[in-house]
């Protein structure tokens, strides 16, 4: 009678299958620890220079402190005082006016320059570099240039008007014109950012779509409006949010030119809180103004992002 041989029992297969998984887990854990080892020092520094001051300023906004004596808890008194502070609301109005002047102009100018530079012509690299140079210039140099150009006494602009026998202007010394000058110089310094962003977006537009539109008989304006512009909608949302935040945080150019004058015509929210915190030593009051600024910036960003997502043009 033939003896039946039973197949061997494979008891080691689960262990063999789990070994590669353990190896991959160990390798992944090792890679993660190595990565965190490299980024941990920088992460700690960034958190220490951002999170800690933000938390401290929030606590300080509920206190009255001059930087030397013992801080006194005042609750929401600083925020309540902001509501009735005419100087604060003047700064809010100036910031809002500057934002209306700066944001649409910077977006449209950046788009125009990007379209002009998105072609193959001679010396194109030089033109792109020349447009980007003002963006990397410091605020101090931009402020000095603004004073030189728009000074009522010896400014270059008034000298040109004098030669042309046109009435000279007060510019930085005129409360009605000072903010306009600040907006022009801010536009000169930051339009390069929107230009670079739009230029990168234009180069990502599929050439097949543009060629198909031309074959169908579309003129350049129709091609741009029907084909190119929809492709740029997410970039426009991003640029608008970014430039709005930059406009609300305007400080450096005001500090280097007018110091909030004349007659507080260029005093922005950031310059207002700078004066309260570092000149009047009202650190609690200045911190409250800073958090109001943060809340407004966050609210504007959320509104634009939600609206753009509903329209299908989200950039985040």
C-alpha atoms as a PDB file:
ATOM      1  CA  UNK A   1       0.000   0.000   0.000  1.00  0.00           C
ATOM      2  CA  UNK A   2       1.482   3.261  -1.108  1.00  0.00           C
ATOM      3  CA  UNK A   3       2.250   5.682   1.606  1.00  0.00           C
ATOM      4  CA  UNK A   4       0.665   9.146   1.145  1.00  0.00           C
ATOM      5  CA  UNK A   5       2.963  12.058   1.626  1.00  0.00           C
ATOM      6  CA  UNK A   6       1.333  15.135   3.087  1.00  0.00           C
ATOM      7  CA  UNK A   7       2.530  18.511   1.810  1.00  0.00           C
ATOM      8  CA  UNK A   8       4.831  20.296   4.170  1.00  0.00           C
ATOM      9  CA  UNK A   9       3.296  22.961   6.360  1.00  0.00           C
ATOM     10  CA  UNK A  10       4.561  26.400   5.458  1.00  0.00           C
ATOM     11  CA  UNK A  11       4.887  28.028   8.824  1.00  0.00           C
ATOM     12  CA  UNK A  12       7.591  30.535   7.899  1.00  0.00           C
ATOM     13  CA  UNK A  13       5.736  32.366   5.101  1.00  0.00           C
ATOM     14  CA  UNK A  14       4.038  35.008   7.313  1.00  0.00           C
ATOM     15  CA  UNK A  15       7.377  35.819   8.897  1.00  0.00           C
ATOM     16  CA  UNK A  16       9.013  36.126   5.480  1.00  0.00           C
ATOM     17  CA  UNK A  17       6.224  38.397   4.271  1.00  0.00           C
ATOM     18  CA  UNK A  18       6.500  40.659   7.327  1.00  0.00           C
ATOM     19  CA  UNK A  19      10.270  41.074   7.131  1.00  0.00           C
ATOM     20  CA  UNK A  20      10.253  43.399   4.092  1.00  0.00           C
ATOM     21  CA  UNK A  21       7.553  45.486   5.743  1.00  0.00           C
ATOM     22  CA  UNK A  22       9.624  45.856   8.879  1.00  0.00           C
ATOM     23  CA  UNK A  23      12.636  46.806   6.822  1.00  0.00           C
ATOM     24  CA  UNK A  24      10.676  49.453   4.944  1.00  0.00           C
ATOM     25  CA  UNK A  25       9.270  50.824   8.204  1.00  0.00           C
ATOM     26  CA  UNK A  26      12.716  51.066   9.706  1.00  0.00           C
ATOM     27  CA  UNK A  27      14.055  52.757   6.610  1.00  0.00           C
ATOM     28  CA  UNK A  28      11.149  55.218   6.561  1.00  0.00           C
ATOM     29  CA  UNK A  29      11.594  55.986  10.259  1.00  0.00           C
ATOM     30  CA  UNK A  30      15.313  56.485   9.754  1.00  0.00           C
ATOM     31  CA  UNK A  31      14.731  58.781   6.784  1.00  0.00           C
ATOM     32  CA  UNK A  32      12.142  60.776   8.753  1.00  0.00           C
ATOM     33  CA  UNK A  33      14.466  61.174  11.733  1.00  0.00           C
ATOM     34  CA  UNK A  34      17.290  62.214   9.436  1.00  0.00           C
ATOM     35  CA  UNK A  35      15.097  64.812   7.745  1.00  0.00           C
ATOM     36  CA  UNK A  36      13.847  66.220  11.040  1.00  0.00           C
ATOM     37  CA  UNK A  37      17.411  66.311  12.280  1.00  0.00           C
ATOM     38  CA  UNK A  38      18.300  68.671   9.462  1.00  0.00           C
ATOM     39  CA  UNK A  39      15.236  70.928   9.673  1.00  0.00           C
ATOM     40  CA  UNK A  40      14.706  70.908  13.454  1.00  0.00           C
ATOM     41  CA  UNK A  41      17.187  73.734  14.266  1.00  0.00           C
ATOM     42  CA  UNK A  42      15.695  76.058  11.645  1.00  0.00           C
ATOM     43  CA  UNK A  43      12.165  75.071  12.679  1.00  0.00           C
ATOM     44  CA  UNK A  44      12.865  75.890  16.313  1.00  0.00           C
ATOM     45  CA  UNK A  45      14.317  79.276  15.365  1.00  0.00           C
ATOM     46  CA  UNK A  46      11.370  80.135  13.112  1.00  0.00           C
ATOM     47  CA  UNK A  47       8.833  79.102  15.742  1.00  0.00           C
ATOM     48  CA  UNK A  48      10.716  81.029  18.377  1.00  0.00           C
ATOM     49  CA  UNK A  49      10.751  84.181  16.256  1.00  0.00           C
ATOM     50  CA  UNK A  50       7.115  83.946  15.146  1.00  0.00           C
ATOM     51  CA  UNK A  51       4.881  81.869  17.413  1.00  0.00           C
ATOM     52  CA  UNK A  52       6.254  83.101  20.722  1.00  0.00           C
ATOM     53  CA  UNK A  53       6.113  86.834  19.853  1.00  0.00           C
ATOM     54  CA  UNK A  54       2.606  86.371  18.429  1.00  0.00           C
ATOM     55  CA  UNK A  55       1.344  84.722  21.621  1.00  0.00           C
ATOM     56  CA  UNK A  56       3.102  87.273  23.793  1.00  0.00           C
ATOM     57  CA  UNK A  57       1.644  90.178  21.783  1.00  0.00           C
ATOM     58  CA  UNK A  58      -1.838  88.687  22.095  1.00  0.00           C
ATOM     59  CA  UNK A  59      -1.494  88.480  25.884  1.00  0.00           C
ATOM     60  CA  UNK A  60       0.008  91.958  25.939  1.00  0.00           C
ATOM     61  CA  UNK A  61      -2.989  93.367  24.041  1.00  0.00           C
ATOM     62  CA  UNK A  62      -5.057  92.800  27.200  1.00  0.00           C
ATOM     63  CA  UNK A  63      -2.553  94.634  29.384  1.00  0.00           C
ATOM     64  CA  UNK A  64      -1.241  98.134  29.952  1.00  0.00           C
ATOM     65  CA  UNK A  65       2.565  98.174  29.871  1.00  0.00           C
ATOM     66  CA  UNK A  66       5.156 100.837  29.147  1.00  0.00           C
ATOM     67  CA  UNK A  67       8.107  98.450  28.930  1.00  0.00           C
ATOM     68  CA  UNK A  68       9.525  99.294  32.352  1.00  0.00           C
ATOM     69  CA  UNK A  69       6.896  99.135  35.081  1.00  0.00           C
ATOM     70  CA  UNK A  70       4.740  96.180  36.065  1.00  0.00           C
ATOM     71  CA  UNK A  71       2.149  95.239  33.446  1.00  0.00           C
ATOM     72  CA  UNK A  72      -1.480  95.825  34.442  1.00  0.00           C
ATOM     73  CA  UNK A  73      -4.328  93.636  33.212  1.00  0.00           C
ATOM     74  CA  UNK A  74      -6.998  95.804  31.568  1.00  0.00           C
ATOM     75  CA  UNK A  75      -8.996  93.184  29.677  1.00  0.00           C
ATOM     76  CA  UNK A  76     -10.591  94.492  26.489  1.00  0.00           C
ATOM     77  CA  UNK A  77     -10.018  98.160  27.333  1.00  0.00           C
ATOM     78  CA  UNK A  78      -7.365  98.531  24.625  1.00  0.00           C
ATOM     79  CA  UNK A  79      -9.722  97.189  21.963  1.00  0.00           C
ATOM     80  CA  UNK A  80     -12.552  99.385  23.239  1.00  0.00           C
ATOM     81  CA  UNK A  81     -10.295 102.426  23.074  1.00  0.00           C
ATOM     82  CA  UNK A  82      -9.491 101.673  19.436  1.00  0.00           C
ATOM     83  CA  UNK A  83     -13.158 101.938  18.537  1.00  0.00           C
ATOM     84  CA  UNK A  84     -13.304 105.558  19.714  1.00  0.00           C
ATOM     85  CA  UNK A  85      -9.786 106.603  18.676  1.00  0.00           C
ATOM     86  CA  UNK A  86     -10.039 109.114  15.823  1.00  0.00           C
ATOM     87  CA  UNK A  87      -6.317 108.772  15.117  1.00  0.00           C
ATOM     88  CA  UNK A  88      -6.754 105.018  14.586  1.00  0.00           C
ATOM     89  CA  UNK A  89      -9.679 105.462  12.210  1.00  0.00           C
ATOM     90  CA  UNK A  90      -7.716 108.066  10.280  1.00  0.00           C
ATOM     91  CA  UNK A  91      -4.974 105.465   9.853  1.00  0.00           C
ATOM     92  CA  UNK A  92      -7.577 102.917   8.742  1.00  0.00           C
ATOM     93  CA  UNK A  93      -8.906 105.344   6.140  1.00  0.00           C
ATOM     94  CA  UNK A  94      -5.412 106.112   4.850  1.00  0.00           C
ATOM     95  CA  UNK A  95      -4.602 102.411   4.587  1.00  0.00           C
ATOM     96  CA  UNK A  96      -7.862 101.701   2.788  1.00  0.00           C
ATOM     97  CA  UNK A  97      -7.229 104.533   0.326  1.00  0.00           C
ATOM     98  CA  UNK A  98      -3.707 103.324  -0.357  1.00  0.00           C
ATOM     99  CA  UNK A  99      -4.994  99.778  -0.922  1.00  0.00           C
ATOM    100  CA  UNK A 100      -7.520 101.021  -3.484  1.00  0.00           C
ATOM    101  CA  UNK A 101      -4.767 102.901  -5.300  1.00  0.00           C
ATOM    102  CA  UNK A 102      -2.079 100.257  -5.100  1.00  0.00           C
ATOM    103  CA  UNK A 103      -3.652  96.816  -5.564  1.00  0.00           C
ATOM    104  CA  UNK A 104      -5.546  97.266  -8.863  1.00  0.00           C
ATOM    105  CA  UNK A 105      -2.676  99.288 -10.333  1.00  0.00           C
ATOM    106  CA  UNK A 106      -0.041  96.716  -9.395  1.00  0.00           C
ATOM    107  CA  UNK A 107      -2.096  93.814 -10.764  1.00  0.00           C
ATOM    108  CA  UNK A 108      -2.897  95.534 -14.061  1.00  0.00           C
ATOM    109  CA  UNK A 109       0.621  96.891 -14.528  1.00  0.00           C
ATOM    110  CA  UNK A 110       2.149  93.504 -13.758  1.00  0.00           C
ATOM    111  CA  UNK A 111      -0.165  91.840 -16.267  1.00  0.00           C
ATOM    112  CA  UNK A 112       0.642  94.434 -18.932  1.00  0.00           C
ATOM    113  CA  UNK A 113       4.399  94.105 -18.440  1.00  0.00           C
ATOM    114  CA  UNK A 114       4.203  90.310 -18.388  1.00  0.00           C
ATOM    115  CA  UNK A 115       2.319  90.249 -21.693  1.00  0.00           C
ATOM    116  CA  UNK A 116       4.843  92.684 -23.171  1.00  0.00           C
ATOM    117  CA  UNK A 117       7.783  90.566 -22.001  1.00  0.00           C
ATOM    118  CA  UNK A 118       6.267  87.246 -23.046  1.00  0.00           C
ATOM    119  CA  UNK A 119       7.688  87.381 -26.538  1.00  0.00           C
ATOM    120  CA  UNK A 120      10.945  86.772 -28.338  1.00  0.00           C
ATOM    121  CA  UNK A 121      12.638  90.087 -29.000  1.00  0.00           C
ATOM    122  CA  UNK A 122      16.198  91.288 -28.772  1.00  0.00           C
ATOM    123  CA  UNK A 123      17.604  92.165 -25.341  1.00  0.00           C
ATOM    124  CA  UNK A 124      14.659  90.482 -23.609  1.00  0.00           C
ATOM    125  CA  UNK A 125      16.863  89.240 -20.749  1.00  0.00           C
ATOM    126  CA  UNK A 126      18.023  92.801 -20.086  1.00  0.00           C
ATOM    127  CA  UNK A 127      14.446  94.122 -20.025  1.00  0.00           C
ATOM    128  CA  UNK A 128      13.322  91.456 -17.574  1.00  0.00           C
ATOM    129  CA  UNK A 129      16.275  92.144 -15.294  1.00  0.00           C
ATOM    130  CA  UNK A 130      15.696  95.903 -15.406  1.00  0.00           C
ATOM    131  CA  UNK A 131      12.051  95.495 -14.401  1.00  0.00           C
ATOM    132  CA  UNK A 132      12.940  93.212 -11.487  1.00  0.00           C
ATOM    133  CA  UNK A 133      15.708  95.430 -10.057  1.00  0.00           C
ATOM    134  CA  UNK A 134      13.353  97.821  -8.171  1.00  0.00           C
ATOM    135  CA  UNK A 135      11.802  94.849  -6.359  1.00  0.00           C
ATOM    136  CA  UNK A 136      15.099  93.891  -4.721  1.00  0.00           C
ATOM    137  CA  UNK A 137      15.980  97.483  -3.839  1.00  0.00           C
ATOM    138  CA  UNK A 138      15.722  98.345  -0.174  1.00  0.00           C
ATOM    139  CA  UNK A 139      12.964 100.513   1.243  1.00  0.00           C
ATOM    140  CA  UNK A 140      15.547 103.078   2.319  1.00  0.00           C
ATOM    141  CA  UNK A 141      16.807 103.531  -1.238  1.00  0.00           C
ATOM    142  CA  UNK A 142      13.245 103.759  -2.545  1.00  0.00           C
ATOM    143  CA  UNK A 143      12.426 106.385   0.080  1.00  0.00           C
ATOM    144  CA  UNK A 144      15.507 108.436  -0.789  1.00  0.00           C
ATOM    145  CA  UNK A 145      14.595 108.238  -4.467  1.00  0.00           C
ATOM    146  CA  UNK A 146      11.039 109.336  -3.666  1.00  0.00           C
ATOM    147  CA  UNK A 147      12.318 112.363  -1.749  1.00  0.00           C
ATOM    148  CA  UNK A 148      14.662 113.277  -4.573  1.00  0.00           C
ATOM    149  CA  UNK A 149      11.981 113.003  -7.250  1.00  0.00           C
ATOM    150  CA  UNK A 150       9.010 114.555  -5.448  1.00  0.00           C
ATOM    151  CA  UNK A 151      10.541 117.137  -3.148  1.00  0.00           C
ATOM    152  CA  UNK A 152       8.637 120.439  -3.614  1.00  0.00           C
ATOM    153  CA  UNK A 153      11.837 122.500  -3.324  1.00  0.00           C
ATOM    154  CA  UNK A 154      14.475 120.619  -5.317  1.00  0.00           C
ATOM    155  CA  UNK A 155      12.662 117.555  -6.700  1.00  0.00           C
ATOM    156  CA  UNK A 156      13.244 116.411 -10.250  1.00  0.00           C
ATOM    157  CA  UNK A 157       9.519 116.284 -11.070  1.00  0.00           C
ATOM    158  CA  UNK A 158       8.940 119.910 -10.095  1.00  0.00           C
ATOM    159  CA  UNK A 159      12.021 120.956 -12.059  1.00  0.00           C
ATOM    160  CA  UNK A 160      10.532 119.334 -15.152  1.00  0.00           C
ATOM    161  CA  UNK A 161       7.221 121.091 -14.511  1.00  0.00           C
ATOM    162  CA  UNK A 162       9.081 124.388 -14.131  1.00  0.00           C
ATOM    163  CA  UNK A 163      10.825 123.927 -17.479  1.00  0.00           C
ATOM    164  CA  UNK A 164       7.494 123.117 -19.126  1.00  0.00           C
ATOM    165  CA  UNK A 165       5.959 126.251 -17.503  1.00  0.00           C
ATOM    166  CA  UNK A 166       3.422 124.133 -15.643  1.00  0.00           C
ATOM    167  CA  UNK A 167       2.288 124.747 -12.059  1.00  0.00           C
ATOM    168  CA  UNK A 168       4.497 123.041  -9.499  1.00  0.00           C
ATOM    169  CA  UNK A 169       2.982 120.674  -6.961  1.00  0.00           C
ATOM    170  CA  UNK A 170       3.430 120.105  -3.264  1.00  0.00           C
ATOM    171  CA  UNK A 171       3.779 116.318  -3.630  1.00  0.00           C
ATOM    172  CA  UNK A 172       5.072 114.919  -0.316  1.00  0.00           C
ATOM    173  CA  UNK A 173       4.279 118.185   1.489  1.00  0.00           C
ATOM    174  CA  UNK A 174       0.672 118.267   0.282  1.00  0.00           C
ATOM    175  CA  UNK A 175      -1.805 116.195   2.343  1.00  0.00           C
ATOM    176  CA  UNK A 176      -3.896 115.554  -0.784  1.00  0.00           C
ATOM    177  CA  UNK A 177      -0.971 114.333  -2.889  1.00  0.00           C
ATOM    178  CA  UNK A 178       1.366 112.611  -0.438  1.00  0.00           C
ATOM    179  CA  UNK A 179      -0.467 109.274  -0.423  1.00  0.00           C
ATOM    180  CA  UNK A 180      -0.580 109.291  -4.212  1.00  0.00           C
ATOM    181  CA  UNK A 181       3.201 109.673  -4.296  1.00  0.00           C
ATOM    182  CA  UNK A 182       3.572 106.811  -1.815  1.00  0.00           C
ATOM    183  CA  UNK A 183       1.346 104.654  -4.032  1.00  0.00           C
ATOM    184  CA  UNK A 184       3.384 105.501  -7.147  1.00  0.00           C
ATOM    185  CA  UNK A 185       6.678 104.622  -5.491  1.00  0.00           C
ATOM    186  CA  UNK A 186       5.239 101.442  -4.004  1.00  0.00           C
ATOM    187  CA  UNK A 187       4.009 100.514  -7.454  1.00  0.00           C
ATOM    188  CA  UNK A 188       7.448 101.164  -8.898  1.00  0.00           C
ATOM    189  CA  UNK A 189       9.030  98.916  -6.297  1.00  0.00           C
ATOM    190  CA  UNK A 190       6.603  95.995  -6.265  1.00  0.00           C
ATOM    191  CA  UNK A 191       5.133  95.753  -9.774  1.00  0.00           C
ATOM    192  CA  UNK A 192       8.055  93.479 -10.652  1.00  0.00           C
ATOM    193  CA  UNK A 193       6.649  90.789  -8.359  1.00  0.00           C
ATOM    194  CA  UNK A 194       3.326  90.610 -10.175  1.00  0.00           C
ATOM    195  CA  UNK A 195       5.168  90.773 -13.489  1.00  0.00           C
ATOM    196  CA  UNK A 196       7.284  87.729 -12.663  1.00  0.00           C
ATOM    197  CA  UNK A 197       4.279  85.745 -11.425  1.00  0.00           C
ATOM    198  CA  UNK A 198       2.199  86.569 -14.479  1.00  0.00           C
ATOM    199  CA  UNK A 199       5.123  85.908 -16.804  1.00  0.00           C
ATOM    200  CA  UNK A 200       5.574  82.419 -15.370  1.00  0.00           C
ATOM    201  CA  UNK A 201       1.836  81.778 -15.718  1.00  0.00           C
ATOM    202  CA  UNK A 202       1.797  82.990 -19.332  1.00  0.00           C
ATOM    203  CA  UNK A 203       4.582  80.614 -20.244  1.00  0.00           C
ATOM    204  CA  UNK A 204       2.520  77.725 -18.826  1.00  0.00           C
ATOM    205  CA  UNK A 205      -0.490  78.451 -21.046  1.00  0.00           C
ATOM    206  CA  UNK A 206      -0.724  75.592 -23.594  1.00  0.00           C
ATOM    207  CA  UNK A 207       0.413  76.830 -26.988  1.00  0.00           C
ATOM    208  CA  UNK A 208      -1.981  74.398 -28.666  1.00  0.00           C
ATOM    209  CA  UNK A 209      -4.967  76.360 -27.360  1.00  0.00           C
ATOM    210  CA  UNK A 210      -3.592  79.648 -28.648  1.00  0.00           C
ATOM    211  CA  UNK A 211      -2.770  78.135 -32.026  1.00  0.00           C
ATOM    212  CA  UNK A 212      -6.231  76.597 -32.289  1.00  0.00           C
ATOM    213  CA  UNK A 213      -7.835  79.976 -31.527  1.00  0.00           C
ATOM    214  CA  UNK A 214      -5.780  81.644 -34.240  1.00  0.00           C
ATOM    215  CA  UNK A 215      -6.737  78.969 -36.756  1.00  0.00           C
ATOM    216  CA  UNK A 216     -10.399  79.545 -35.888  1.00  0.00           C
ATOM    217  CA  UNK A 217      -9.963  83.211 -36.783  1.00  0.00           C
ATOM    218  CA  UNK A 218      -9.695  84.807 -33.340  1.00  0.00           C
ATOM    219  CA  UNK A 219      -7.821  88.108 -33.196  1.00  0.00           C
ATOM    220  CA  UNK A 220      -5.153  88.752 -30.512  1.00  0.00           C
ATOM    221  CA  UNK A 221      -7.634  90.430 -28.128  1.00  0.00           C
ATOM    222  CA  UNK A 222     -10.151  87.607 -28.449  1.00  0.00           C
ATOM    223  CA  UNK A 223      -7.377  85.045 -27.959  1.00  0.00           C
ATOM    224  CA  UNK A 224      -6.218  86.760 -24.795  1.00  0.00           C
ATOM    225  CA  UNK A 225      -9.703  87.310 -23.354  1.00  0.00           C
ATOM    226  CA  UNK A 226     -11.159  83.878 -24.208  1.00  0.00           C
ATOM    227  CA  UNK A 227      -8.101  81.627 -23.911  1.00  0.00           C
ATOM    228  CA  UNK A 228      -5.285  83.225 -21.922  1.00  0.00           C
ATOM    229  CA  UNK A 229      -7.236  85.164 -19.275  1.00  0.00           C
ATOM    230  CA  UNK A 230      -9.181  82.144 -17.917  1.00  0.00           C
ATOM    231  CA  UNK A 231      -5.858  80.362 -17.490  1.00  0.00           C
ATOM    232  CA  UNK A 232      -4.566  83.315 -15.450  1.00  0.00           C
ATOM    233  CA  UNK A 233      -7.551  83.539 -13.091  1.00  0.00           C
ATOM    234  CA  UNK A 234      -5.987  81.497 -10.227  1.00  0.00           C
ATOM    235  CA  UNK A 235      -2.788  83.524 -10.496  1.00  0.00           C
ATOM    236  CA  UNK A 236      -4.797  86.739 -10.370  1.00  0.00           C
ATOM    237  CA  UNK A 237      -6.469  85.609  -7.148  1.00  0.00           C
ATOM    238  CA  UNK A 238      -3.102  84.839  -5.572  1.00  0.00           C
ATOM    239  CA  UNK A 239      -1.529  88.118  -6.701  1.00  0.00           C
ATOM    240  CA  UNK A 240      -4.527  90.136  -5.492  1.00  0.00           C
ATOM    241  CA  UNK A 241      -4.413  88.563  -2.039  1.00  0.00           C
ATOM    242  CA  UNK A 242      -0.653  89.006  -1.795  1.00  0.00           C
ATOM    243  CA  UNK A 243      -0.674  92.640  -2.890  1.00  0.00           C
ATOM    244  CA  UNK A 244      -3.596  93.422  -0.576  1.00  0.00           C
ATOM    245  CA  UNK A 245      -1.666  92.048   2.375  1.00  0.00           C
ATOM    246  CA  UNK A 246       1.376  94.077   1.344  1.00  0.00           C
ATOM    247  CA  UNK A 247      -0.754  97.223   1.056  1.00  0.00           C
ATOM    248  CA  UNK A 248      -2.321  96.759   4.486  1.00  0.00           C
ATOM    249  CA  UNK A 249       1.145  96.254   6.001  1.00  0.00           C
ATOM    250  CA  UNK A 250       2.651  99.385   4.435  1.00  0.00           C
ATOM    251  CA  UNK A 251       5.240 100.885   6.761  1.00  0.00           C
ATOM    252  CA  UNK A 252       8.796 101.102   5.432  1.00  0.00           C
ATOM    253  CA  UNK A 253       8.177 103.604   2.632  1.00  0.00           C
ATOM    254  CA  UNK A 254       6.131 105.837   4.923  1.00  0.00           C
ATOM    255  CA  UNK A 255       8.845 105.681   7.570  1.00  0.00           C
ATOM    256  CA  UNK A 256      11.604 106.670   5.140  1.00  0.00           C
ATOM    257  CA  UNK A 257       9.698 109.525   3.489  1.00  0.00           C
ATOM    258  CA  UNK A 258       6.902 111.308   5.341  1.00  0.00           C
ATOM    259  CA  UNK A 259       6.864 109.708   8.822  1.00  0.00           C
ATOM    260  CA  UNK A 260       3.087 109.732   8.618  1.00  0.00           C
ATOM    261  CA  UNK A 261       2.763 113.352   7.516  1.00  0.00           C
ATOM    262  CA  UNK A 262       1.878 115.850   6.384  1.00  0.00           C
ATOM    263  CA  UNK A 263      -0.959 116.285   8.894  1.00  0.00           C
ATOM    264  CA  UNK A 264      -1.163 112.481   9.323  1.00  0.00           C
ATOM    265  CA  UNK A 265      -2.199 112.121   5.681  1.00  0.00           C
ATOM    266  CA  UNK A 266       0.067 109.088   5.154  1.00  0.00           C
ATOM    267  CA  UNK A 267      -0.165 107.514   8.597  1.00  0.00           C
ATOM    268  CA  UNK A 268      -1.111 103.873   8.016  1.00  0.00           C
ATOM    269  CA  UNK A 269      -2.239 101.258  10.530  1.00  0.00           C
ATOM    270  CA  UNK A 270       1.234  99.774  10.871  1.00  0.00           C
ATOM    271  CA  UNK A 271       2.795 103.199  11.367  1.00  0.00           C
ATOM    272  CA  UNK A 272       0.072 103.981  13.907  1.00  0.00           C
ATOM    273  CA  UNK A 273       0.852 100.919  15.999  1.00  0.00           C
ATOM    274  CA  UNK A 274       4.592 101.644  15.628  1.00  0.00           C
ATOM    275  CA  UNK A 275       4.070 105.098  17.112  1.00  0.00           C
ATOM    276  CA  UNK A 276       1.925 103.813  19.963  1.00  0.00           C
ATOM    277  CA  UNK A 277       4.224 100.929  20.872  1.00  0.00           C
ATOM    278  CA  UNK A 278       7.745 102.259  20.280  1.00  0.00           C
ATOM    279  CA  UNK A 279       7.367 106.024  20.578  1.00  0.00           C
ATOM    280  CA  UNK A 280       4.567 106.434  23.120  1.00  0.00           C
ATOM    281  CA  UNK A 281       5.553 103.181  24.913  1.00  0.00           C
ATOM    282  CA  UNK A 282       1.948 101.939  24.926  1.00  0.00           C
ATOM    283  CA  UNK A 283       2.856  98.353  24.109  1.00  0.00           C
ATOM    284  CA  UNK A 284      -0.515  96.926  25.076  1.00  0.00           C
ATOM    285  CA  UNK A 285      -2.405  99.425  22.948  1.00  0.00           C
ATOM    286  CA  UNK A 286      -0.053  98.876  20.014  1.00  0.00           C
ATOM    287  CA  UNK A 287      -0.454  95.096  20.328  1.00  0.00           C
ATOM    288  CA  UNK A 288      -4.231  95.476  20.220  1.00  0.00           C
ATOM    289  CA  UNK A 289      -3.939  97.497  17.023  1.00  0.00           C
ATOM    290  CA  UNK A 290      -1.653  94.818  15.592  1.00  0.00           C
ATOM    291  CA  UNK A 291      -4.191  92.089  16.265  1.00  0.00           C
ATOM    292  CA  UNK A 292      -6.982  94.141  14.740  1.00  0.00           C
ATOM    293  CA  UNK A 293      -4.778  94.408  11.647  1.00  0.00           C
ATOM    294  CA  UNK A 294      -4.214  90.651  11.722  1.00  0.00           C
ATOM    295  CA  UNK A 295      -7.942  89.961  12.002  1.00  0.00           C
ATOM    296  CA  UNK A 296      -8.750  92.259   9.074  1.00  0.00           C
ATOM    297  CA  UNK A 297      -6.044  90.682   6.907  1.00  0.00           C
ATOM    298  CA  UNK A 298      -7.233  87.177   7.753  1.00  0.00           C
ATOM    299  CA  UNK A 299     -10.858  88.104   7.058  1.00  0.00           C
ATOM    300  CA  UNK A 300     -10.026  89.586   3.644  1.00  0.00           C
ATOM    301  CA  UNK A 301      -7.988  86.530   2.716  1.00  0.00           C
ATOM    302  CA  UNK A 302     -10.774  84.133   3.715  1.00  0.00           C
ATOM    303  CA  UNK A 303     -13.391  86.109   1.785  1.00  0.00           C
ATOM    304  CA  UNK A 304     -11.319  86.190  -1.397  1.00  0.00           C
ATOM    305  CA  UNK A 305     -10.394  82.501  -1.152  1.00  0.00           C
ATOM    306  CA  UNK A 306     -14.001  81.400  -0.553  1.00  0.00           C
ATOM    307  CA  UNK A 307     -15.279  83.570  -3.384  1.00  0.00           C
ATOM    308  CA  UNK A 308     -12.602  82.300  -5.784  1.00  0.00           C
ATOM    309  CA  UNK A 309     -13.340  78.681  -4.917  1.00  0.00           C
ATOM    310  CA  UNK A 310     -17.030  79.191  -5.599  1.00  0.00           C
ATOM    311  CA  UNK A 311     -16.118  80.682  -8.943  1.00  0.00           C
ATOM    312  CA  UNK A 312     -13.736  77.793  -9.640  1.00  0.00           C
ATOM    313  CA  UNK A 313     -10.612  79.973  -9.775  1.00  0.00           C
ATOM    314  CA  UNK A 314      -9.004  79.040  -6.484  1.00  0.00           C
ATOM    315  CA  UNK A 315      -5.277  79.591  -6.135  1.00  0.00           C
ATOM    316  CA  UNK A 316      -4.758  77.753  -2.830  1.00  0.00           C
END
